């Protein structure tokens, strides 16, 4: 797996203390950003297939997080032919054929 940038994401998780109160604990997870193929303006779709509407277009040189991956329409791009689609934000998917993950397979959990 190849990554160009890792960002720390901090959130809060509530847990019940022994006395019945609620106490906040910091939760830290690494969020990795993967580069889109050079020279590509990438269509972002509302679902994991080319039949879904385009919700935006990513400019050249963009790096994207991958929260989860799911099968969908097979697409051929700079990084091969694949049916894997990357969820980069809520309701936003790009074909993994255009994202340099360093793998031909899944690198993130399957989307629920």
PDB file of N, CA and C in Angstrom:
ATOM      1  N   UNK A   1       0.849  -1.172   0.000  1.00  0.00           N
ATOM      2  CA  UNK A   1       0.000   0.000   0.000  1.00  0.00           C
ATOM      3  C   UNK A   1       0.886   1.224   0.000  1.00  0.00           C
ATOM      4  N   UNK A   2       0.562   2.166  -0.848  1.00  0.00           N
ATOM      5  CA  UNK A   2       1.336   3.390  -0.957  1.00  0.00           C
ATOM      6  C   UNK A   2       0.469   4.553  -0.529  1.00  0.00           C
ATOM      7  N   UNK A   3       1.012   5.422   0.280  1.00  0.00           N
ATOM      8  CA  UNK A   3       0.260   6.589   0.713  1.00  0.00           C
ATOM      9  C   UNK A   3       1.185   7.784   0.715  1.00  0.00           C
ATOM     10  N   UNK A   4       0.644   8.923   0.298  1.00  0.00           N
ATOM     11  CA  UNK A   4       1.450  10.126   0.261  1.00  0.00           C
ATOM     12  C   UNK A   4       1.237  11.017   1.474  1.00  0.00           C
ATOM     13  N   UNK A   5       0.110  10.869   2.158  1.00  0.00           N
ATOM     14  CA  UNK A   5      -0.167  11.735   3.293  1.00  0.00           C
ATOM     15  C   UNK A   5      -1.006  10.984   4.311  1.00  0.00           C
ATOM     16  N   UNK A   6      -0.689  11.125   5.564  1.00  0.00           N
ATOM     17  CA  UNK A   6      -1.483  10.542   6.638  1.00  0.00           C
ATOM     18  C   UNK A   6      -1.872  11.673   7.566  1.00  0.00           C
ATOM     19  N   UNK A   7      -3.135  11.728   7.910  1.00  0.00           N
ATOM     20  CA  UNK A   7      -3.645  12.793   8.757  1.00  0.00           C
ATOM     21  C   UNK A   7      -4.250  12.168  10.005  1.00  0.00           C
ATOM     22  N   UNK A   8      -3.978  12.728  11.146  1.00  0.00           N
ATOM     23  CA  UNK A   8      -4.580  12.241  12.379  1.00  0.00           C
ATOM     24  C   UNK A   8      -5.960  12.860  12.535  1.00  0.00           C
ATOM     25  N   UNK A   9      -6.940  12.031  12.797  1.00  0.00           N
ATOM     26  CA  UNK A   9      -8.302  12.480  13.013  1.00  0.00           C
ATOM     27  C   UNK A   9      -8.654  12.184  14.456  1.00  0.00           C
ATOM     28  N   UNK A  10      -9.082  13.187  15.181  1.00  0.00           N
ATOM     29  CA  UNK A  10      -9.411  12.999  16.584  1.00  0.00           C
ATOM     30  C   UNK A  10     -10.897  13.235  16.791  1.00  0.00           C
ATOM     31  N   UNK A  11     -11.513  12.340  17.520  1.00  0.00           N
ATOM     32  CA  UNK A  11     -12.932  12.479  17.828  1.00  0.00           C
ATOM     33  C   UNK A  11     -13.132  12.222  19.308  1.00  0.00           C
ATOM     34  N   UNK A  12     -14.357  12.173  19.728  1.00  0.00           N
ATOM     35  CA  UNK A  12     -14.652  11.896  21.131  1.00  0.00           C
ATOM     36  C   UNK A  12     -15.541  10.674  21.216  1.00  0.00           C
ATOM     37  N   UNK A  13     -15.280   9.844  22.193  1.00  0.00           N
ATOM     38  CA  UNK A  13     -16.095   8.658  22.422  1.00  0.00           C
ATOM     39  C   UNK A  13     -16.583   8.752  23.851  1.00  0.00           C
ATOM     40  N   UNK A  14     -17.884   8.600  24.034  1.00  0.00           N
ATOM     41  CA  UNK A  14     -18.437   8.676  25.380  1.00  0.00           C
ATOM     42  C   UNK A  14     -18.485   7.293  26.005  1.00  0.00           C
ATOM     43  N   UNK A  15     -18.071   7.199  27.258  1.00  0.00           N
ATOM     44  CA  UNK A  15     -18.156   5.942  27.990  1.00  0.00           C
ATOM     45  C   UNK A  15     -18.766   6.225  29.352  1.00  0.00           C
ATOM     46  N   UNK A  16     -19.441   5.239  29.884  1.00  0.00           N
ATOM     47  CA  UNK A  16     -20.043   5.395  31.203  1.00  0.00           C
ATOM     48  C   UNK A  16     -19.012   5.056  32.270  1.00  0.00           C
ATOM     49  N   UNK A  17     -18.814   5.967  33.189  1.00  0.00           N
ATOM     50  CA  UNK A  17     -17.907   5.724  34.310  1.00  0.00           C
ATOM     51  C   UNK A  17     -18.619   4.844  35.331  1.00  0.00           C
ATOM     52  N   UNK A  18     -17.860   4.273  36.245  1.00  0.00           N
ATOM     53  CA  UNK A  18     -18.427   3.352  37.240  1.00  0.00           C
ATOM     54  C   UNK A  18     -19.524   4.016  38.062  1.00  0.00           C
ATOM     55  N   UNK A  19     -19.436   5.329  38.261  1.00  0.00           N
ATOM     56  CA  UNK A  19     -20.430   6.041  39.058  1.00  0.00           C
ATOM     57  C   UNK A  19     -21.675   6.415  38.273  1.00  0.00           C
ATOM     58  N   UNK A  20     -21.801   5.986  37.036  1.00  0.00           N
ATOM     59  CA  UNK A  20     -23.000   6.288  36.265  1.00  0.00           C
ATOM     60  C   UNK A  20     -22.873   7.545  35.418  1.00  0.00           C
ATOM     61  N   UNK A  21     -21.764   8.287  35.547  1.00  0.00           N
ATOM     62  CA  UNK A  21     -21.587   9.503  34.752  1.00  0.00           C
ATOM     63  C   UNK A  21     -21.046   9.175  33.368  1.00  0.00           C
ATOM     64  N   UNK A  22     -21.010  10.163  32.523  1.00  0.00           N
ATOM     65  CA  UNK A  22     -20.480   9.989  31.187  1.00  0.00           C
ATOM     66  C   UNK A  22     -19.172  10.764  31.095  1.00  0.00           C
ATOM     67  N   UNK A  23     -18.157  10.091  30.593  1.00  0.00           N
ATOM     68  CA  UNK A  23     -16.849  10.706  30.491  1.00  0.00           C
ATOM     69  C   UNK A  23     -16.390  10.599  29.035  1.00  0.00           C
ATOM     70  N   UNK A  24     -15.769  11.642  28.520  1.00  0.00           N
ATOM     71  CA  UNK A  24     -15.318  11.636  27.126  1.00  0.00           C
ATOM     72  C   UNK A  24     -13.882  11.156  27.046  1.00  0.00           C
ATOM     73  N   UNK A  25     -13.631  10.281  26.092  1.00  0.00           N
ATOM     74  CA  UNK A  25     -12.274   9.807  25.840  1.00  0.00           C
ATOM     75  C   UNK A  25     -11.908  10.184  24.414  1.00  0.00           C
ATOM     76  N   UNK A  26     -10.675  10.597  24.206  1.00  0.00           N
ATOM     77  CA  UNK A  26     -10.221  10.932  22.855  1.00  0.00           C
ATOM     78  C   UNK A  26      -9.950   9.643  22.084  1.00  0.00           C
ATOM     79  N   UNK A  27     -10.403   9.620  20.845  1.00  0.00           N
ATOM     80  CA  UNK A  27     -10.174   8.488  19.964  1.00  0.00           C
ATOM     81  C   UNK A  27      -9.402   9.016  18.761  1.00  0.00           C
ATOM     82  N   UNK A  28      -8.281   8.387  18.448  1.00  0.00           N
ATOM     83  CA  UNK A  28      -7.457   8.840  17.332  1.00  0.00           C
ATOM     84  C   UNK A  28      -7.344   7.724  16.306  1.00  0.00           C
ATOM     85  N   UNK A  29      -7.555   8.080  15.048  1.00  0.00           N
ATOM     86  CA  UNK A  29      -7.409   7.120  13.953  1.00  0.00           C
ATOM     87  C   UNK A  29      -6.637   7.787  12.818  1.00  0.00           C
ATOM     88  N   UNK A  30      -5.831   7.020  12.131  1.00  0.00           N
ATOM     89  CA  UNK A  30      -5.066   7.558  11.012  1.00  0.00           C
ATOM     90  C   UNK A  30      -5.940   7.532   9.756  1.00  0.00           C
ATOM     91  N   UNK A  31      -5.965   8.635   9.044  1.00  0.00           N
ATOM     92  CA  UNK A  31      -6.703   8.735   7.795  1.00  0.00           C
ATOM     93  C   UNK A  31      -5.677   8.935   6.687  1.00  0.00           C
ATOM     94  N   UNK A  32      -5.611   7.995   5.762  1.00  0.00           N
ATOM     95  CA  UNK A  32      -4.632   8.029   4.685  1.00  0.00           C
ATOM     96  C   UNK A  32      -5.259   8.614   3.425  1.00  0.00           C
ATOM     97  N   UNK A  33      -4.511   9.460   2.727  1.00  0.00           N
ATOM     98  CA  UNK A  33      -4.954  10.050   1.465  1.00  0.00           C
ATOM     99  C   UNK A  33      -4.178   9.418   0.323  1.00  0.00           C
ATOM    100  N   UNK A  34      -4.877   9.032  -0.736  1.00  0.00           N
ATOM    101  CA  UNK A  34      -4.280   8.372  -1.896  1.00  0.00           C
ATOM    102  C   UNK A  34      -4.373   9.292  -3.107  1.00  0.00           C
ATOM    103  N   UNK A  35      -3.326   9.336  -3.926  1.00  0.00           N
ATOM    104  CA  UNK A  35      -3.349  10.227  -5.095  1.00  0.00           C
ATOM    105  C   UNK A  35      -4.189   9.686  -6.249  1.00  0.00           C
ATOM    106  N   UNK A  36      -4.905  10.605  -6.891  1.00  0.00           N
ATOM    107  CA  UNK A  36      -5.622  10.299  -8.123  1.00  0.00           C
ATOM    108  C   UNK A  36      -4.578  10.286  -9.233  1.00  0.00           C
ATOM    109  N   UNK A  37      -4.787   9.489 -10.272  1.00  0.00           N
ATOM    110  CA  UNK A  37      -3.832   9.361 -11.375  1.00  0.00           C
ATOM    111  C   UNK A  37      -3.436  10.736 -11.921  1.00  0.00           C
ATOM    112  N   UNK A  38      -2.156  10.893 -12.251  1.00  0.00           N
ATOM    113  CA  UNK A  38      -1.673  12.185 -12.769  1.00  0.00           C
ATOM    114  C   UNK A  38      -2.413  12.596 -14.041  1.00  0.00           C
ATOM    115  N   UNK A  39      -2.719  13.888 -14.128  1.00  0.00           N
ATOM    116  CA  UNK A  39      -3.358  14.438 -15.317  1.00  0.00           C
ATOM    117  C   UNK A  39      -4.835  14.120 -15.449  1.00  0.00           C
ATOM    118  N   UNK A  40      -5.437  13.577 -14.406  1.00  0.00           N
ATOM    119  CA  UNK A  40      -6.850  13.163 -14.471  1.00  0.00           C
ATOM    120  C   UNK A  40      -7.720  14.103 -13.655  1.00  0.00           C
ATOM    121  N   UNK A  41      -8.809  14.556 -14.284  1.00  0.00           N
ATOM    122  CA  UNK A  41      -9.891  15.234 -13.561  1.00  0.00           C
ATOM    123  C   UNK A  41     -10.942  14.159 -13.358  1.00  0.00           C
ATOM    124  N   UNK A  42     -11.149  13.732 -12.119  1.00  0.00           N
ATOM    125  CA  UNK A  42     -11.922  12.526 -11.825  1.00  0.00           C
ATOM    126  C   UNK A  42     -13.370  12.820 -11.456  1.00  0.00           C
ATOM    127  N   UNK A  43     -14.294  12.125 -12.145  1.00  0.00           N
ATOM    128  CA  UNK A  43     -15.718  12.239 -11.822  1.00  0.00           C
ATOM    129  C   UNK A  43     -16.001  11.546 -10.496  1.00  0.00           C
ATOM    130  N   UNK A  44     -16.720  12.235  -9.630  1.00  0.00           N
ATOM    131  CA  UNK A  44     -17.186  11.669  -8.365  1.00  0.00           C
ATOM    132  C   UNK A  44     -18.674  11.416  -8.533  1.00  0.00           C
ATOM    133  N   UNK A  45     -19.097  10.193  -8.252  1.00  0.00           N
ATOM    134  CA  UNK A  45     -20.495   9.812  -8.464  1.00  0.00           C
ATOM    135  C   UNK A  45     -21.205   9.551  -7.140  1.00  0.00           C
ATOM    136  N   UNK A  46     -22.524   9.595  -7.177  1.00  0.00           N
ATOM    137  CA  UNK A  46     -23.318   9.417  -5.959  1.00  0.00           C
ATOM    138  C   UNK A  46     -23.433   7.956  -5.541  1.00  0.00           C
ATOM    139  N   UNK A  47     -22.963   7.035  -6.377  1.00  0.00           N
ATOM    140  CA  UNK A  47     -22.989   5.615  -6.066  1.00  0.00           C
ATOM    141  C   UNK A  47     -21.877   4.898  -6.817  1.00  0.00           C
ATOM    142  N   UNK A  48     -21.711   3.601  -6.565  1.00  0.00           N
ATOM    143  CA  UNK A  48     -20.583   2.836  -7.112  1.00  0.00           C
ATOM    144  C   UNK A  48     -20.796   2.289  -8.525  1.00  0.00           C
ATOM    145  N   UNK A  49     -21.179   3.157  -9.446  1.00  0.00           N
ATOM    146  CA  UNK A  49     -21.363   2.733 -10.838  1.00  0.00           C
ATOM    147  C   UNK A  49     -21.384   3.963 -11.741  1.00  0.00           C
ATOM    148  N   UNK A  50     -21.043   3.749 -13.008  1.00  0.00           N
ATOM    149  CA  UNK A  50     -21.042   4.854 -13.965  1.00  0.00           C
ATOM    150  C   UNK A  50     -22.455   5.338 -14.280  1.00  0.00           C
ATOM    151  N   UNK A  51     -23.460   4.578 -13.911  1.00  0.00           N
ATOM    152  CA  UNK A  51     -24.851   4.990 -14.130  1.00  0.00           C
ATOM    153  C   UNK A  51     -25.338   6.005 -13.095  1.00  0.00           C
ATOM    154  N   UNK A  52     -24.601   6.164 -11.982  1.00  0.00           N
ATOM    155  CA  UNK A  52     -24.985   7.148 -10.970  1.00  0.00           C
ATOM    156  C   UNK A  52     -24.607   8.544 -11.437  1.00  0.00           C
ATOM    157  N   UNK A  53     -25.353   9.562 -11.002  1.00  0.00           N
ATOM    158  CA  UNK A  53     -25.036  10.938 -11.411  1.00  0.00           C
ATOM    159  C   UNK A  53     -23.674  11.401 -10.879  1.00  0.00           C
ATOM    160  N   UNK A  54     -23.037  12.283 -11.647  1.00  0.00           N
ATOM    161  CA  UNK A  54     -21.793  12.915 -11.213  1.00  0.00           C
ATOM    162  C   UNK A  54     -22.163  14.020 -10.232  1.00  0.00           C
ATOM    163  N   UNK A  55     -21.556  13.990  -9.030  1.00  0.00           N
ATOM    164  CA  UNK A  55     -21.854  15.013  -8.024  1.00  0.00           C
ATOM    165  C   UNK A  55     -20.807  16.118  -8.013  1.00  0.00           C
ATOM    166  N   UNK A  56     -19.598  15.812  -8.493  1.00  0.00           N
ATOM    167  CA  UNK A  56     -18.556  16.821  -8.635  1.00  0.00           C
ATOM    168  C   UNK A  56     -17.402  16.213  -9.422  1.00  0.00           C
ATOM    169  N   UNK A  57     -16.455  17.044  -9.812  1.00  0.00           N
ATOM    170  CA  UNK A  57     -15.268  16.601 -10.533  1.00  0.00           C
ATOM    171  C   UNK A  57     -14.049  17.046  -9.735  1.00  0.00           C
ATOM    172  N   UNK A  58     -13.161  16.089  -9.429  1.00  0.00           N
ATOM    173  CA  UNK A  58     -11.947  16.407  -8.682  1.00  0.00           C
ATOM    174  C   UNK A  58     -10.896  16.966  -9.634  1.00  0.00           C
ATOM    175  N   UNK A  59     -10.207  18.025  -9.251  1.00  0.00           N
ATOM    176  CA  UNK A  59      -9.167  18.594 -10.108  1.00  0.00           C
ATOM    177  C   UNK A  59      -7.923  17.709 -10.152  1.00  0.00           C
ATOM    178  N   UNK A  60      -7.078  17.947 -11.142  1.00  0.00           N
ATOM    179  CA  UNK A  60      -5.811  17.221 -11.249  1.00  0.00           C
ATOM    180  C   UNK A  60      -5.009  17.402  -9.964  1.00  0.00           C
ATOM    181  N   UNK A  61      -4.278  16.360  -9.580  1.00  0.00           N
ATOM    182  CA  UNK A  61      -3.411  16.439  -8.405  1.00  0.00           C
ATOM    183  C   UNK A  61      -4.099  16.210  -7.074  1.00  0.00           C
ATOM    184  N   UNK A  62      -5.356  15.822  -7.099  1.00  0.00           N
ATOM    185  CA  UNK A  62      -6.117  15.604  -5.866  1.00  0.00           C
ATOM    186  C   UNK A  62      -5.687  14.315  -5.179  1.00  0.00           C
ATOM    187  N   UNK A  63      -5.737  14.318  -3.847  1.00  0.00           N
ATOM    188  CA  UNK A  63      -5.551  13.116  -3.032  1.00  0.00           C
ATOM    189  C   UNK A  63      -6.845  12.901  -2.262  1.00  0.00           C
ATOM    190  N   UNK A  64      -7.252  11.627  -2.154  1.00  0.00           N
ATOM    191  CA  UNK A  64      -8.543  11.323  -1.543  1.00  0.00           C
ATOM    192  C   UNK A  64      -8.396  10.323  -0.402  1.00  0.00           C
ATOM    193  N   UNK A  65      -9.236  10.455   0.636  1.00  0.00           N
ATOM    194  CA  UNK A  65      -9.296   9.416   1.659  1.00  0.00           C
ATOM    195  C   UNK A  65     -10.194   8.294   1.145  1.00  0.00           C
ATOM    196  N   UNK A  66     -10.003   7.100   1.652  1.00  0.00           N
ATOM    197  CA  UNK A  66     -10.898   5.986   1.307  1.00  0.00           C
ATOM    198  C   UNK A  66     -11.466   5.456   2.621  1.00  0.00           C
ATOM    199  N   UNK A  67     -12.748   5.702   2.841  1.00  0.00           N
ATOM    200  CA  UNK A  67     -13.389   5.279   4.082  1.00  0.00           C
ATOM    201  C   UNK A  67     -13.833   3.824   4.019  1.00  0.00           C
ATOM    202  N   UNK A  68     -14.297   3.404   2.832  1.00  0.00           N
ATOM    203  CA  UNK A  68     -14.677   2.022   2.615  1.00  0.00           C
ATOM    204  C   UNK A  68     -14.706   1.779   1.115  1.00  0.00           C
ATOM    205  N   UNK A  69     -14.807   0.517   0.713  1.00  0.00           N
ATOM    206  CA  UNK A  69     -14.837   0.159  -0.701  1.00  0.00           C
ATOM    207  C   UNK A  69     -15.975  -0.820  -0.950  1.00  0.00           C
ATOM    208  N   UNK A  70     -16.488  -0.811  -2.189  1.00  0.00           N
ATOM    209  CA  UNK A  70     -17.616  -1.656  -2.534  1.00  0.00           C
ATOM    210  C   UNK A  70     -17.537  -2.048  -4.009  1.00  0.00           C
ATOM    211  N   UNK A  71     -18.068  -3.212  -4.370  1.00  0.00           N
ATOM    212  CA  UNK A  71     -18.082  -3.569  -5.792  1.00  0.00           C
ATOM    213  C   UNK A  71     -19.135  -2.768  -6.545  1.00  0.00           C
ATOM    214  N   UNK A  72     -18.880  -2.560  -7.829  1.00  0.00           N
ATOM    215  CA  UNK A  72     -19.817  -1.826  -8.679  1.00  0.00           C
ATOM    216  C   UNK A  72     -19.464  -2.063 -10.133  1.00  0.00           C
ATOM    217  N   UNK A  73     -19.748  -1.090 -10.985  1.00  0.00           N
ATOM    218  CA  UNK A  73     -19.439  -1.170 -12.408  1.00  0.00           C
ATOM    219  C   UNK A  73     -17.945  -1.377 -12.609  1.00  0.00           C
ATOM    220  N   UNK A  74     -17.581  -2.250 -13.541  1.00  0.00           N
ATOM    221  CA  UNK A  74     -16.173  -2.447 -13.886  1.00  0.00           C
ATOM    222  C   UNK A  74     -15.705  -1.280 -14.752  1.00  0.00           C
ATOM    223  N   UNK A  75     -14.546  -0.715 -14.379  1.00  0.00           N
ATOM    224  CA  UNK A  75     -13.991   0.458 -15.061  1.00  0.00           C
ATOM    225  C   UNK A  75     -12.524   0.197 -15.373  1.00  0.00           C
ATOM    226  N   UNK A  76     -12.078   0.647 -16.546  1.00  0.00           N
ATOM    227  CA  UNK A  76     -10.668   0.573 -16.911  1.00  0.00           C
ATOM    228  C   UNK A  76     -10.073   1.964 -16.813  1.00  0.00           C
ATOM    229  N   UNK A  77      -8.945   2.067 -16.113  1.00  0.00           N
ATOM    230  CA  UNK A  77      -8.275   3.352 -15.944  1.00  0.00           C
ATOM    231  C   UNK A  77      -6.778   3.163 -15.907  1.00  0.00           C
ATOM    232  N   UNK A  78      -6.039   4.185 -15.492  1.00  0.00           N
ATOM    233  CA  UNK A  78      -4.580   4.129 -15.462  1.00  0.00           C
ATOM    234  C   UNK A  78      -4.017   3.010 -14.590  1.00  0.00           C
ATOM    235  N   UNK A  79      -4.780   2.575 -13.592  1.00  0.00           N
ATOM    236  CA  UNK A  79      -4.293   1.544 -12.674  1.00  0.00           C
ATOM    237  C   UNK A  79      -4.984   0.203 -12.908  1.00  0.00           C
ATOM    238  N   UNK A  80      -5.439  -0.036 -14.142  1.00  0.00           N
ATOM    239  CA  UNK A  80      -6.013  -1.327 -14.492  1.00  0.00           C
ATOM    240  C   UNK A  80      -7.523  -1.305 -14.615  1.00  0.00           C
ATOM    241  N   UNK A  81      -8.085  -2.497 -14.692  1.00  0.00           N
ATOM    242  CA  UNK A  81      -9.539  -2.668 -14.772  1.00  0.00           C
ATOM    243  C   UNK A  81     -10.009  -3.260 -13.452  1.00  0.00           C
ATOM    244  N   UNK A  82     -11.022  -2.655 -12.870  1.00  0.00           N
ATOM    245  CA  UNK A  82     -11.516  -3.107 -11.570  1.00  0.00           C
ATOM    246  C   UNK A  82     -12.996  -2.783 -11.423  1.00  0.00           C
ATOM    247  N   UNK A  83     -13.655  -3.537 -10.546  1.00  0.00           N
ATOM    248  CA  UNK A  83     -15.038  -3.214 -10.186  1.00  0.00           C
ATOM    249  C   UNK A  83     -15.097  -2.624  -8.769  1.00  0.00           C
ATOM    250  N   UNK A  84     -13.939  -2.297  -8.198  1.00  0.00           N
ATOM    251  CA  UNK A  84     -13.890  -1.710  -6.854  1.00  0.00           C
ATOM    252  C   UNK A  84     -14.124  -0.207  -6.942  1.00  0.00           C
ATOM    253  N   UNK A  85     -15.007   0.285  -6.096  1.00  0.00           N
ATOM    254  CA  UNK A  85     -15.285   1.718  -5.988  1.00  0.00           C
ATOM    255  C   UNK A  85     -14.943   2.186  -4.584  1.00  0.00           C
ATOM    256  N   UNK A  86     -14.304   3.351  -4.511  1.00  0.00           N
ATOM    257  CA  UNK A  86     -13.853   3.926  -3.247  1.00  0.00           C
ATOM    258  C   UNK A  86     -14.839   4.976  -2.755  1.00  0.00           C
ATOM    259  N   UNK A  87     -15.272   4.838  -1.511  1.00  0.00           N
ATOM    260  CA  UNK A  87     -16.123   5.843  -0.877  1.00  0.00           C
ATOM    261  C   UNK A  87     -15.207   6.902  -0.283  1.00  0.00           C
ATOM    262  N   UNK A  88     -15.252   8.130  -0.843  1.00  0.00           N
ATOM    263  CA  UNK A  88     -14.332   9.200  -0.412  1.00  0.00           C
ATOM    264  C   UNK A  88     -15.008  10.220   0.487  1.00  0.00           C
ATOM    265  N   UNK A  89     -16.315  10.171   0.584  1.00  0.00           N
ATOM    266  CA  UNK A  89     -17.109  11.034   1.465  1.00  0.00           C
ATOM    267  C   UNK A  89     -18.531  10.491   1.436  1.00  0.00           C
ATOM    268  N   UNK A  90     -19.390  11.039   2.266  1.00  0.00           N
ATOM    269  CA  UNK A  90     -20.772  10.569   2.331  1.00  0.00           C
ATOM    270  C   UNK A  90     -21.437  10.743   0.962  1.00  0.00           C
ATOM    271  N   UNK A  91     -21.872   9.631   0.353  1.00  0.00           N
ATOM    272  CA  UNK A  91     -22.536   9.682  -0.935  1.00  0.00           C
ATOM    273  C   UNK A  91     -21.633  10.046  -2.103  1.00  0.00           C
ATOM    274  N   UNK A  92     -20.305   9.825  -1.956  1.00  0.00           N
ATOM    275  CA  UNK A  92     -19.355  10.162  -3.018  1.00  0.00           C
ATOM    276  C   UNK A  92     -18.426   8.979  -3.288  1.00  0.00           C
ATOM    277  N   UNK A  93     -18.428   8.506  -4.550  1.00  0.00           N
ATOM    278  CA  UNK A  93     -17.649   7.335  -4.938  1.00  0.00           C
ATOM    279  C   UNK A  93     -16.825   7.628  -6.186  1.00  0.00           C
ATOM    280  N   UNK A  94     -15.614   7.047  -6.229  1.00  0.00           N
ATOM    281  CA  UNK A  94     -14.762   7.106  -7.418  1.00  0.00           C
ATOM    282  C   UNK A  94     -14.275   5.696  -7.718  1.00  0.00           C
ATOM    283  N   UNK A  95     -14.016   5.426  -8.996  1.00  0.00           N
ATOM    284  CA  UNK A  95     -13.493   4.118  -9.372  1.00  0.00           C
ATOM    285  C   UNK A  95     -12.063   3.975  -8.873  1.00  0.00           C
ATOM    286  N   UNK A  96     -11.765   2.820  -8.305  1.00  0.00           N
ATOM    287  CA  UNK A  96     -10.423   2.540  -7.797  1.00  0.00           C
ATOM    288  C   UNK A  96      -9.398   2.446  -8.930  1.00  0.00           C
ATOM    289  N   UNK A  97      -9.866   2.335 -10.179  1.00  0.00           N
ATOM    290  CA  UNK A  97      -8.970   2.275 -11.334  1.00  0.00           C
ATOM    291  C   UNK A  97      -8.224   3.594 -11.540  1.00  0.00           C
ATOM    292  N   UNK A  98      -8.677   4.660 -10.863  1.00  0.00           N
ATOM    293  CA  UNK A  98      -8.062   5.983 -10.996  1.00  0.00           C
ATOM    294  C   UNK A  98      -7.355   6.451  -9.724  1.00  0.00           C
ATOM    295  N   UNK A  99      -7.277   5.577  -8.722  1.00  0.00           N
ATOM    296  CA  UNK A  99      -6.667   5.945  -7.442  1.00  0.00           C
ATOM    297  C   UNK A  99      -5.472   5.027  -7.176  1.00  0.00           C
ATOM    298  N   UNK A 100      -4.306   5.609  -6.893  1.00  0.00           N
ATOM    299  CA  UNK A 100      -3.109   4.805  -6.649  1.00  0.00           C
ATOM    300  C   UNK A 100      -3.079   4.349  -5.188  1.00  0.00           C
ATOM    301  N   UNK A 101      -3.551   3.119  -4.980  1.00  0.00           N
ATOM    302  CA  UNK A 101      -3.576   2.552  -3.628  1.00  0.00           C
ATOM    303  C   UNK A 101      -2.404   1.605  -3.400  1.00  0.00           C
ATOM    304  N   UNK A 102      -1.720   1.190  -4.480  1.00  0.00           N
ATOM    305  CA  UNK A 102      -0.641   0.238  -4.353  1.00  0.00           C
ATOM    306  C   UNK A 102      -1.118  -1.206  -4.310  1.00  0.00           C
ATOM    307  N   UNK A 103      -2.405  -1.431  -4.598  1.00  0.00           N
ATOM    308  CA  UNK A 103      -2.975  -2.775  -4.540  1.00  0.00           C
ATOM    309  C   UNK A 103      -4.030  -2.939  -5.634  1.00  0.00           C
ATOM    310  N   UNK A 104      -4.175  -4.155  -6.132  1.00  0.00           N
ATOM    311  CA  UNK A 104      -5.242  -4.459  -7.077  1.00  0.00           C
ATOM    312  C   UNK A 104      -6.517  -4.905  -6.368  1.00  0.00           C
ATOM    313  N   UNK A 105      -6.436  -5.060  -5.046  1.00  0.00           N
ATOM    314  CA  UNK A 105      -7.582  -5.531  -4.270  1.00  0.00           C
ATOM    315  C   UNK A 105      -8.076  -4.479  -3.297  1.00  0.00           C
ATOM    316  N   UNK A 106      -8.881  -4.938  -2.370  1.00  0.00           N
ATOM    317  CA  UNK A 106      -9.433  -4.057  -1.336  1.00  0.00           C
ATOM    318  C   UNK A 106      -8.355  -3.647  -0.353  1.00  0.00           C
ATOM    319  N   UNK A 107      -8.334  -2.368   0.007  1.00  0.00           N
ATOM    320  CA  UNK A 107      -7.383  -1.853   1.006  1.00  0.00           C
ATOM    321  C   UNK A 107      -8.112  -1.201   2.183  1.00  0.00           C
ATOM    322  N   UNK A 108      -9.428  -1.206   2.119  1.00  0.00           N
ATOM    323  CA  UNK A 108     -10.258  -0.620   3.172  1.00  0.00           C
ATOM    324  C   UNK A 108     -11.436  -1.571   3.421  1.00  0.00           C
ATOM    325  N   UNK A 109     -12.137  -1.377   4.529  1.00  0.00           N
ATOM    326  CA  UNK A 109     -13.296  -2.251   4.795  1.00  0.00           C
ATOM    327  C   UNK A 109     -14.350  -2.111   3.700  1.00  0.00           C
ATOM    328  N   UNK A 110     -15.176  -3.135   3.549  1.00  0.00           N
ATOM    329  CA  UNK A 110     -16.308  -3.073   2.619  1.00  0.00           C
ATOM    330  C   UNK A 110     -17.345  -2.099   3.175  1.00  0.00           C
ATOM    331  N   UNK A 111     -17.961  -1.329   2.294  1.00  0.00           N
ATOM    332  CA  UNK A 111     -19.017  -0.414   2.721  1.00  0.00           C
ATOM    333  C   UNK A 111     -20.240  -1.217   3.163  1.00  0.00           C
ATOM    334  N   UNK A 112     -20.895  -0.736   4.200  1.00  0.00           N
ATOM    335  CA  UNK A 112     -22.088  -1.417   4.726  1.00  0.00           C
ATOM    336  C   UNK A 112     -23.295  -1.143   3.867  1.00  0.00           C
TER     337      UNK A 112
END
